[in-house]
């Protein structure tokens, strides 16, 4: 299975998308069995997770179990790798990115609040951002230091763990300790302040699962801020700019 995905990835990397300005005609289609059940590359069956129609006739979005995605015609004889755009009167709309945003929203909704480190103000939040964070990341520390101002602006912050050095890194162990603490939010704040955490890292904690979730959602560095609509914003963003992105007026 792993060799098949790697072979598929090698082929897709050799393909290029010259560009597509596509009409926005909705076209109801059922996923063809040639893609869902018997798609093969170099004679090997490809592990397909899902197939969904696009607004373009005979073009399907194919998601592989390994996370790779591409577009194909109904019988899988042609592939297109890249983003699909709709060309309408308001300009170009990146349909591929819209799909990714929806996938992020759905995936994050499945993470229980009990597995998040939540920081919110006294009043009901006007907006909530989800942040994949790493306690060893300087820009994550800057974002953490801005949480009081974010809360004042009505923005709640929900942290998920993403040790950028992987699960064998020292930061992964620190975050495991934080998630094993009685108060995760308090423990994370201590970790950002370079304080030693008392808890051990041996409890049943979600850090590894959250790391894998981040990878599957396209997180490549920290902090990775996910807005309520699923848009991913990489890196530190000042509170006033975040408020503007969320369309929150003072």
C-alpha atoms as a PDB file:
ATOM      1  CA  UNK A   1       0.000   0.000   0.000  1.00  0.00           C
ATOM      2  CA  UNK A   2       2.767   2.462   0.927  1.00  0.00           C
ATOM      3  CA  UNK A   3       4.726   1.697  -2.280  1.00  0.00           C
ATOM      4  CA  UNK A   4       1.595   2.289  -4.339  1.00  0.00           C
ATOM      5  CA  UNK A   5       1.016   5.710  -2.798  1.00  0.00           C
ATOM      6  CA  UNK A   6       4.694   6.631  -3.312  1.00  0.00           C
ATOM      7  CA  UNK A   7       4.481   5.522  -6.953  1.00  0.00           C
ATOM      8  CA  UNK A   8       1.359   7.585  -7.434  1.00  0.00           C
ATOM      9  CA  UNK A   9       2.995  10.577  -5.765  1.00  0.00           C
ATOM     10  CA  UNK A  10       5.996  10.257  -8.108  1.00  0.00           C
ATOM     11  CA  UNK A  11       3.728  10.325 -11.154  1.00  0.00           C
ATOM     12  CA  UNK A  12       1.706  13.267  -9.897  1.00  0.00           C
ATOM     13  CA  UNK A  13       4.852  15.302  -9.219  1.00  0.00           C
ATOM     14  CA  UNK A  14       5.773  14.917 -12.898  1.00  0.00           C
ATOM     15  CA  UNK A  15       2.479  16.408 -14.038  1.00  0.00           C
ATOM     16  CA  UNK A  16       1.930  20.132 -14.436  1.00  0.00           C
ATOM     17  CA  UNK A  17      -1.224  22.188 -14.520  1.00  0.00           C
ATOM     18  CA  UNK A  18      -0.972  24.810 -17.250  1.00  0.00           C
ATOM     19  CA  UNK A  19      -4.101  26.509 -15.943  1.00  0.00           C
ATOM     20  CA  UNK A  20      -7.839  26.140 -16.175  1.00  0.00           C
ATOM     21  CA  UNK A  21     -10.444  28.857 -16.328  1.00  0.00           C
ATOM     22  CA  UNK A  22     -13.611  26.846 -16.030  1.00  0.00           C
ATOM     23  CA  UNK A  23     -17.337  27.605 -16.379  1.00  0.00           C
ATOM     24  CA  UNK A  24     -19.459  27.394 -13.235  1.00  0.00           C
ATOM     25  CA  UNK A  25     -22.154  25.040 -14.492  1.00  0.00           C
ATOM     26  CA  UNK A  26     -23.307  22.614 -11.812  1.00  0.00           C
ATOM     27  CA  UNK A  27     -23.371  19.057 -13.113  1.00  0.00           C
ATOM     28  CA  UNK A  28     -24.794  16.260 -10.955  1.00  0.00           C
ATOM     29  CA  UNK A  29     -22.708  13.125 -11.432  1.00  0.00           C
ATOM     30  CA  UNK A  30     -22.204   9.865  -9.635  1.00  0.00           C
ATOM     31  CA  UNK A  31     -18.660   8.765  -8.986  1.00  0.00           C
ATOM     32  CA  UNK A  32     -17.578   6.298 -11.722  1.00  0.00           C
ATOM     33  CA  UNK A  33     -16.479   2.874 -10.584  1.00  0.00           C
ATOM     34  CA  UNK A  34     -13.312   3.156 -12.694  1.00  0.00           C
ATOM     35  CA  UNK A  35     -12.121   5.723 -10.150  1.00  0.00           C
ATOM     36  CA  UNK A  36     -13.634   4.442  -6.909  1.00  0.00           C
ATOM     37  CA  UNK A  37     -13.030   0.719  -7.323  1.00  0.00           C
ATOM     38  CA  UNK A  38     -10.348   0.018  -9.889  1.00  0.00           C
ATOM     39  CA  UNK A  39      -8.101   3.035 -10.467  1.00  0.00           C
ATOM     40  CA  UNK A  40      -4.621   1.793 -11.339  1.00  0.00           C
ATOM     41  CA  UNK A  41      -1.286   3.491 -11.978  1.00  0.00           C
ATOM     42  CA  UNK A  42       1.596   1.521 -13.489  1.00  0.00           C
ATOM     43  CA  UNK A  43      -0.548  -1.578 -13.063  1.00  0.00           C
ATOM     44  CA  UNK A  44      -0.959  -1.091  -9.326  1.00  0.00           C
ATOM     45  CA  UNK A  45      -4.297  -0.394  -7.662  1.00  0.00           C
ATOM     46  CA  UNK A  46      -4.366   3.035  -6.050  1.00  0.00           C
ATOM     47  CA  UNK A  47      -5.963   3.377  -2.577  1.00  0.00           C
ATOM     48  CA  UNK A  48      -8.774   5.878  -3.252  1.00  0.00           C
ATOM     49  CA  UNK A  49     -10.466   7.458  -0.242  1.00  0.00           C
ATOM     50  CA  UNK A  50     -13.145   9.459  -2.054  1.00  0.00           C
ATOM     51  CA  UNK A  51     -14.244  10.684  -5.467  1.00  0.00           C
ATOM     52  CA  UNK A  52     -16.470  13.715  -5.952  1.00  0.00           C
ATOM     53  CA  UNK A  53     -17.774  15.531  -9.050  1.00  0.00           C
ATOM     54  CA  UNK A  54     -16.666  19.017 -10.039  1.00  0.00           C
ATOM     55  CA  UNK A  55     -18.605  21.731 -11.895  1.00  0.00           C
ATOM     56  CA  UNK A  56     -16.799  20.658 -15.084  1.00  0.00           C
ATOM     57  CA  UNK A  57     -18.308  17.791 -17.064  1.00  0.00           C
ATOM     58  CA  UNK A  58     -16.386  14.516 -16.848  1.00  0.00           C
ATOM     59  CA  UNK A  59     -13.876  15.879 -14.348  1.00  0.00           C
ATOM     60  CA  UNK A  60     -13.671  14.371 -10.858  1.00  0.00           C
ATOM     61  CA  UNK A  61     -11.783  15.232  -7.692  1.00  0.00           C
ATOM     62  CA  UNK A  62      -9.948  12.135  -6.449  1.00  0.00           C
ATOM     63  CA  UNK A  63      -8.656  11.956  -2.860  1.00  0.00           C
ATOM     64  CA  UNK A  64      -6.195   9.177  -2.030  1.00  0.00           C
ATOM     65  CA  UNK A  65      -5.877   7.549   1.380  1.00  0.00           C
ATOM     66  CA  UNK A  66      -2.350   8.913   1.699  1.00  0.00           C
ATOM     67  CA  UNK A  67      -3.618  12.504   1.444  1.00  0.00           C
ATOM     68  CA  UNK A  68      -2.713  13.203  -2.190  1.00  0.00           C
ATOM     69  CA  UNK A  69      -5.420  14.685  -4.410  1.00  0.00           C
ATOM     70  CA  UNK A  70      -5.808  15.264  -8.133  1.00  0.00           C
ATOM     71  CA  UNK A  71      -8.428  15.520 -10.870  1.00  0.00           C
ATOM     72  CA  UNK A  72      -9.268  12.780 -13.358  1.00  0.00           C
ATOM     73  CA  UNK A  73     -11.670  12.028 -16.153  1.00  0.00           C
ATOM     74  CA  UNK A  74     -14.300   9.321 -15.659  1.00  0.00           C
ATOM     75  CA  UNK A  75     -12.157   6.345 -16.685  1.00  0.00           C
ATOM     76  CA  UNK A  76      -8.925   7.543 -15.078  1.00  0.00           C
ATOM     77  CA  UNK A  77      -7.047   7.805 -18.360  1.00  0.00           C
ATOM     78  CA  UNK A  78      -6.127  11.455 -17.760  1.00  0.00           C
ATOM     79  CA  UNK A  79      -4.978  13.266 -14.604  1.00  0.00           C
ATOM     80  CA  UNK A  80      -4.633  16.964 -13.772  1.00  0.00           C
ATOM     81  CA  UNK A  81      -2.627  17.998 -10.710  1.00  0.00           C
ATOM     82  CA  UNK A  82      -3.194  21.496  -9.340  1.00  0.00           C
ATOM     83  CA  UNK A  83      -5.964  23.863  -8.361  1.00  0.00           C
ATOM     84  CA  UNK A  84      -9.314  24.102 -10.102  1.00  0.00           C
ATOM     85  CA  UNK A  85     -10.573  27.639 -10.684  1.00  0.00           C
ATOM     86  CA  UNK A  86     -13.970  29.005 -11.572  1.00  0.00           C
ATOM     87  CA  UNK A  87     -13.941  32.072 -13.808  1.00  0.00           C
ATOM     88  CA  UNK A  88     -17.001  34.155 -12.980  1.00  0.00           C
ATOM     89  CA  UNK A  89     -17.986  37.794 -13.199  1.00  0.00           C
ATOM     90  CA  UNK A  90     -16.262  38.594  -9.892  1.00  0.00           C
ATOM     91  CA  UNK A  91     -12.962  37.058 -10.944  1.00  0.00           C
ATOM     92  CA  UNK A  92     -11.249  33.746 -10.314  1.00  0.00           C
ATOM     93  CA  UNK A  93     -12.498  31.505  -7.517  1.00  0.00           C
ATOM     94  CA  UNK A  94     -10.180  28.753  -6.279  1.00  0.00           C
ATOM     95  CA  UNK A  95     -12.570  25.818  -5.955  1.00  0.00           C
ATOM     96  CA  UNK A  96      -9.795  23.497  -4.776  1.00  0.00           C
ATOM     97  CA  UNK A  97      -8.977  25.761  -1.837  1.00  0.00           C
ATOM     98  CA  UNK A  98     -12.681  26.065  -0.996  1.00  0.00           C
ATOM     99  CA  UNK A  99     -12.870  22.263  -0.791  1.00  0.00           C
ATOM    100  CA  UNK A 100      -9.801  22.195   1.467  1.00  0.00           C
ATOM    101  CA  UNK A 101     -11.380  24.799   3.728  1.00  0.00           C
ATOM    102  CA  UNK A 102     -14.525  22.701   4.088  1.00  0.00           C
ATOM    103  CA  UNK A 103     -12.435  19.627   4.864  1.00  0.00           C
ATOM    104  CA  UNK A 104     -10.610  21.540   7.608  1.00  0.00           C
ATOM    105  CA  UNK A 105     -13.862  22.766   9.141  1.00  0.00           C
ATOM    106  CA  UNK A 106     -15.277  19.241   9.221  1.00  0.00           C
ATOM    107  CA  UNK A 107     -12.078  17.692  10.591  1.00  0.00           C
ATOM    108  CA  UNK A 108     -11.703  20.273  13.372  1.00  0.00           C
ATOM    109  CA  UNK A 109     -15.358  19.958  14.341  1.00  0.00           C
ATOM    110  CA  UNK A 110     -14.645  16.307  15.141  1.00  0.00           C
ATOM    111  CA  UNK A 111     -12.007  17.234  17.758  1.00  0.00           C
ATOM    112  CA  UNK A 112     -13.690  17.342  21.199  1.00  0.00           C
ATOM    113  CA  UNK A 113     -13.254  20.525  23.200  1.00  0.00           C
ATOM    114  CA  UNK A 114     -11.888  18.385  26.024  1.00  0.00           C
ATOM    115  CA  UNK A 115      -8.841  17.669  23.825  1.00  0.00           C
ATOM    116  CA  UNK A 116      -8.141  21.345  23.106  1.00  0.00           C
ATOM    117  CA  UNK A 117      -6.372  23.997  25.113  1.00  0.00           C
ATOM    118  CA  UNK A 118      -8.950  26.771  25.217  1.00  0.00           C
ATOM    119  CA  UNK A 119      -8.281  30.453  25.903  1.00  0.00           C
ATOM    120  CA  UNK A 120     -11.266  32.783  25.918  1.00  0.00           C
ATOM    121  CA  UNK A 121     -12.281  35.978  27.602  1.00  0.00           C
ATOM    122  CA  UNK A 122     -15.067  36.554  30.110  1.00  0.00           C
ATOM    123  CA  UNK A 123     -17.638  37.466  27.466  1.00  0.00           C
ATOM    124  CA  UNK A 124     -19.023  35.171  24.789  1.00  0.00           C
ATOM    125  CA  UNK A 125     -16.492  35.004  21.912  1.00  0.00           C
ATOM    126  CA  UNK A 126     -17.377  36.744  18.689  1.00  0.00           C
ATOM    127  CA  UNK A 127     -15.115  34.388  16.745  1.00  0.00           C
ATOM    128  CA  UNK A 128     -12.942  31.351  17.436  1.00  0.00           C
ATOM    129  CA  UNK A 129      -9.653  30.476  15.780  1.00  0.00           C
ATOM    130  CA  UNK A 130      -7.957  27.096  15.976  1.00  0.00           C
ATOM    131  CA  UNK A 131      -4.168  27.166  16.133  1.00  0.00           C
ATOM    132  CA  UNK A 132      -1.744  24.296  15.597  1.00  0.00           C
ATOM    133  CA  UNK A 133       1.057  25.271  17.948  1.00  0.00           C
ATOM    134  CA  UNK A 134       4.483  24.216  19.193  1.00  0.00           C
ATOM    135  CA  UNK A 135       5.813  25.387  22.563  1.00  0.00           C
ATOM    136  CA  UNK A 136       9.371  25.561  21.143  1.00  0.00           C
ATOM    137  CA  UNK A 137       8.344  27.880  18.299  1.00  0.00           C
ATOM    138  CA  UNK A 138       9.250  31.587  18.814  1.00  0.00           C
ATOM    139  CA  UNK A 139       6.355  32.838  16.674  1.00  0.00           C
ATOM    140  CA  UNK A 140       3.977  30.568  18.597  1.00  0.00           C
ATOM    141  CA  UNK A 141       5.226  32.257  21.751  1.00  0.00           C
ATOM    142  CA  UNK A 142       4.485  35.674  20.226  1.00  0.00           C
ATOM    143  CA  UNK A 143       0.984  34.536  19.360  1.00  0.00           C
ATOM    144  CA  UNK A 144       0.498  33.169  22.853  1.00  0.00           C
ATOM    145  CA  UNK A 145       1.591  36.471  24.353  1.00  0.00           C
ATOM    146  CA  UNK A 146      -1.089  38.203  22.265  1.00  0.00           C
ATOM    147  CA  UNK A 147      -3.930  36.039  23.600  1.00  0.00           C
ATOM    148  CA  UNK A 148      -5.097  38.622  26.188  1.00  0.00           C
ATOM    149  CA  UNK A 149      -5.543  41.189  23.417  1.00  0.00           C
ATOM    150  CA  UNK A 150      -7.231  38.622  21.178  1.00  0.00           C
ATOM    151  CA  UNK A 151      -9.639  37.768  23.979  1.00  0.00           C
ATOM    152  CA  UNK A 152     -10.360  41.455  24.523  1.00  0.00           C
ATOM    153  CA  UNK A 153     -11.271  41.715  20.863  1.00  0.00           C
ATOM    154  CA  UNK A 154     -13.695  38.814  21.285  1.00  0.00           C
ATOM    155  CA  UNK A 155     -11.467  36.178  19.681  1.00  0.00           C
ATOM    156  CA  UNK A 156     -11.188  32.824  21.443  1.00  0.00           C
ATOM    157  CA  UNK A 157      -8.115  30.680  20.787  1.00  0.00           C
ATOM    158  CA  UNK A 158      -8.246  26.885  20.666  1.00  0.00           C
ATOM    159  CA  UNK A 159      -4.846  25.177  20.568  1.00  0.00           C
ATOM    160  CA  UNK A 160      -4.032  21.832  19.008  1.00  0.00           C
ATOM    161  CA  UNK A 161      -0.561  20.333  19.290  1.00  0.00           C
ATOM    162  CA  UNK A 162       1.802  20.246  16.326  1.00  0.00           C
ATOM    163  CA  UNK A 163       5.390  19.461  17.324  1.00  0.00           C
ATOM    164  CA  UNK A 164       7.115  20.660  14.155  1.00  0.00           C
ATOM    165  CA  UNK A 165      10.114  18.409  14.805  1.00  0.00           C
ATOM    166  CA  UNK A 166       7.893  15.327  14.897  1.00  0.00           C
ATOM    167  CA  UNK A 167       6.767  13.076  17.711  1.00  0.00           C
ATOM    168  CA  UNK A 168      10.338  12.269  18.775  1.00  0.00           C
ATOM    169  CA  UNK A 169      11.207  15.923  19.383  1.00  0.00           C
ATOM    170  CA  UNK A 170      11.616  17.493  22.841  1.00  0.00           C
ATOM    171  CA  UNK A 171       8.659  19.799  22.097  1.00  0.00           C
ATOM    172  CA  UNK A 172       6.417  16.778  21.551  1.00  0.00           C
ATOM    173  CA  UNK A 173       7.292  15.490  25.009  1.00  0.00           C
ATOM    174  CA  UNK A 174       6.640  18.909  26.563  1.00  0.00           C
ATOM    175  CA  UNK A 175       3.232  19.117  24.923  1.00  0.00           C
ATOM    176  CA  UNK A 176       2.404  15.579  25.967  1.00  0.00           C
ATOM    177  CA  UNK A 177       3.147  16.648  29.535  1.00  0.00           C
ATOM    178  CA  UNK A 178       0.888  19.666  29.087  1.00  0.00           C
ATOM    179  CA  UNK A 179      -1.982  17.552  27.790  1.00  0.00           C
ATOM    180  CA  UNK A 180      -1.444  15.136  30.669  1.00  0.00           C
ATOM    181  CA  UNK A 181      -1.816  17.973  33.195  1.00  0.00           C
ATOM    182  CA  UNK A 182      -4.997  18.625  35.125  1.00  0.00           C
ATOM    183  CA  UNK A 183      -5.272  22.044  33.467  1.00  0.00           C
ATOM    184  CA  UNK A 184      -3.970  21.900  29.889  1.00  0.00           C
ATOM    185  CA  UNK A 185      -4.276  25.635  29.198  1.00  0.00           C
ATOM    186  CA  UNK A 186      -2.407  26.557  32.362  1.00  0.00           C
ATOM    187  CA  UNK A 187       0.288  23.979  31.648  1.00  0.00           C
ATOM    188  CA  UNK A 188       0.785  25.238  28.076  1.00  0.00           C
ATOM    189  CA  UNK A 189       1.200  28.790  29.359  1.00  0.00           C
ATOM    190  CA  UNK A 190       3.850  27.515  31.747  1.00  0.00           C
ATOM    191  CA  UNK A 191       5.590  25.718  28.875  1.00  0.00           C
ATOM    192  CA  UNK A 192       5.595  28.888  26.760  1.00  0.00           C
ATOM    193  CA  UNK A 193       7.248  30.604  29.730  1.00  0.00           C
ATOM    194  CA  UNK A 194       9.941  27.896  29.751  1.00  0.00           C
ATOM    195  CA  UNK A 195       8.746  26.552  33.106  1.00  0.00           C
ATOM    196  CA  UNK A 196       9.223  22.870  33.888  1.00  0.00           C
ATOM    197  CA  UNK A 197       5.985  20.887  33.887  1.00  0.00           C
ATOM    198  CA  UNK A 198       5.353  18.497  36.749  1.00  0.00           C
ATOM    199  CA  UNK A 199       3.165  16.029  34.852  1.00  0.00           C
ATOM    200  CA  UNK A 200       4.658  13.071  33.008  1.00  0.00           C
ATOM    201  CA  UNK A 201       4.029  12.317  29.347  1.00  0.00           C
ATOM    202  CA  UNK A 202       2.771   8.773  29.741  1.00  0.00           C
ATOM    203  CA  UNK A 203      -0.989   9.372  29.954  1.00  0.00           C
ATOM    204  CA  UNK A 204      -3.390   8.709  27.105  1.00  0.00           C
ATOM    205  CA  UNK A 205      -3.023  12.085  25.374  1.00  0.00           C
ATOM    206  CA  UNK A 206      -4.050  13.363  21.907  1.00  0.00           C
ATOM    207  CA  UNK A 207      -0.775  15.001  20.852  1.00  0.00           C
ATOM    208  CA  UNK A 208       0.169  12.370  18.263  1.00  0.00           C
ATOM    209  CA  UNK A 209      -3.349  12.354  16.821  1.00  0.00           C
ATOM    210  CA  UNK A 210      -3.381  16.140  16.599  1.00  0.00           C
ATOM    211  CA  UNK A 211       0.000  16.134  14.911  1.00  0.00           C
ATOM    212  CA  UNK A 212      -1.244  13.649  12.304  1.00  0.00           C
ATOM    213  CA  UNK A 213      -4.397  15.722  11.870  1.00  0.00           C
ATOM    214  CA  UNK A 214      -2.304  18.798  11.192  1.00  0.00           C
ATOM    215  CA  UNK A 215      -0.243  16.948   8.598  1.00  0.00           C
ATOM    216  CA  UNK A 216      -3.404  15.723   6.861  1.00  0.00           C
ATOM    217  CA  UNK A 217      -4.794  19.275   6.767  1.00  0.00           C
ATOM    218  CA  UNK A 218      -1.671  20.691   5.156  1.00  0.00           C
ATOM    219  CA  UNK A 219       0.058  22.214   8.190  1.00  0.00           C
ATOM    220  CA  UNK A 220       3.743  22.630   7.402  1.00  0.00           C
ATOM    221  CA  UNK A 221       4.869  24.973  10.162  1.00  0.00           C
ATOM    222  CA  UNK A 222       3.716  26.722  13.301  1.00  0.00           C
ATOM    223  CA  UNK A 223       1.740  28.591  14.253  1.00  0.00           C
ATOM    224  CA  UNK A 224      -0.884  27.543  11.721  1.00  0.00           C
ATOM    225  CA  UNK A 225      -4.072  29.529  12.297  1.00  0.00           C
ATOM    226  CA  UNK A 226      -7.360  28.103  11.037  1.00  0.00           C
ATOM    227  CA  UNK A 227     -10.140  30.664  10.686  1.00  0.00           C
ATOM    228  CA  UNK A 228     -13.794  29.698  11.252  1.00  0.00           C
ATOM    229  CA  UNK A 229     -14.356  29.204   7.496  1.00  0.00           C
ATOM    230  CA  UNK A 230     -11.415  26.778   7.286  1.00  0.00           C
ATOM    231  CA  UNK A 231      -8.933  29.211   5.754  1.00  0.00           C
ATOM    232  CA  UNK A 232      -5.414  28.433   6.952  1.00  0.00           C
ATOM    233  CA  UNK A 233      -3.143  31.385   7.757  1.00  0.00           C
ATOM    234  CA  UNK A 234       0.501  30.395   8.353  1.00  0.00           C
ATOM    235  CA  UNK A 235       2.684  32.231  10.836  1.00  0.00           C
ATOM    236  CA  UNK A 236       2.173  34.881  13.475  1.00  0.00           C
ATOM    237  CA  UNK A 237      -0.537  37.454  12.754  1.00  0.00           C
ATOM    238  CA  UNK A 238      -0.940  40.567  14.930  1.00  0.00           C
ATOM    239  CA  UNK A 239      -4.279  40.802  16.778  1.00  0.00           C
ATOM    240  CA  UNK A 240      -5.503  43.823  14.830  1.00  0.00           C
ATOM    241  CA  UNK A 241      -4.888  42.054  11.519  1.00  0.00           C
ATOM    242  CA  UNK A 242      -6.572  38.889  12.744  1.00  0.00           C
ATOM    243  CA  UNK A 243      -9.581  40.934  13.825  1.00  0.00           C
ATOM    244  CA  UNK A 244      -9.721  42.450  10.336  1.00  0.00           C
ATOM    245  CA  UNK A 245      -9.548  38.987   8.743  1.00  0.00           C
ATOM    246  CA  UNK A 246     -12.450  37.933  10.947  1.00  0.00           C
ATOM    247  CA  UNK A 247     -14.304  41.159  10.066  1.00  0.00           C
ATOM    248  CA  UNK A 248     -14.572  42.192  13.693  1.00  0.00           C
ATOM    249  CA  UNK A 249     -14.887  45.917  14.231  1.00  0.00           C
ATOM    250  CA  UNK A 250     -13.662  47.514  17.447  1.00  0.00           C
END
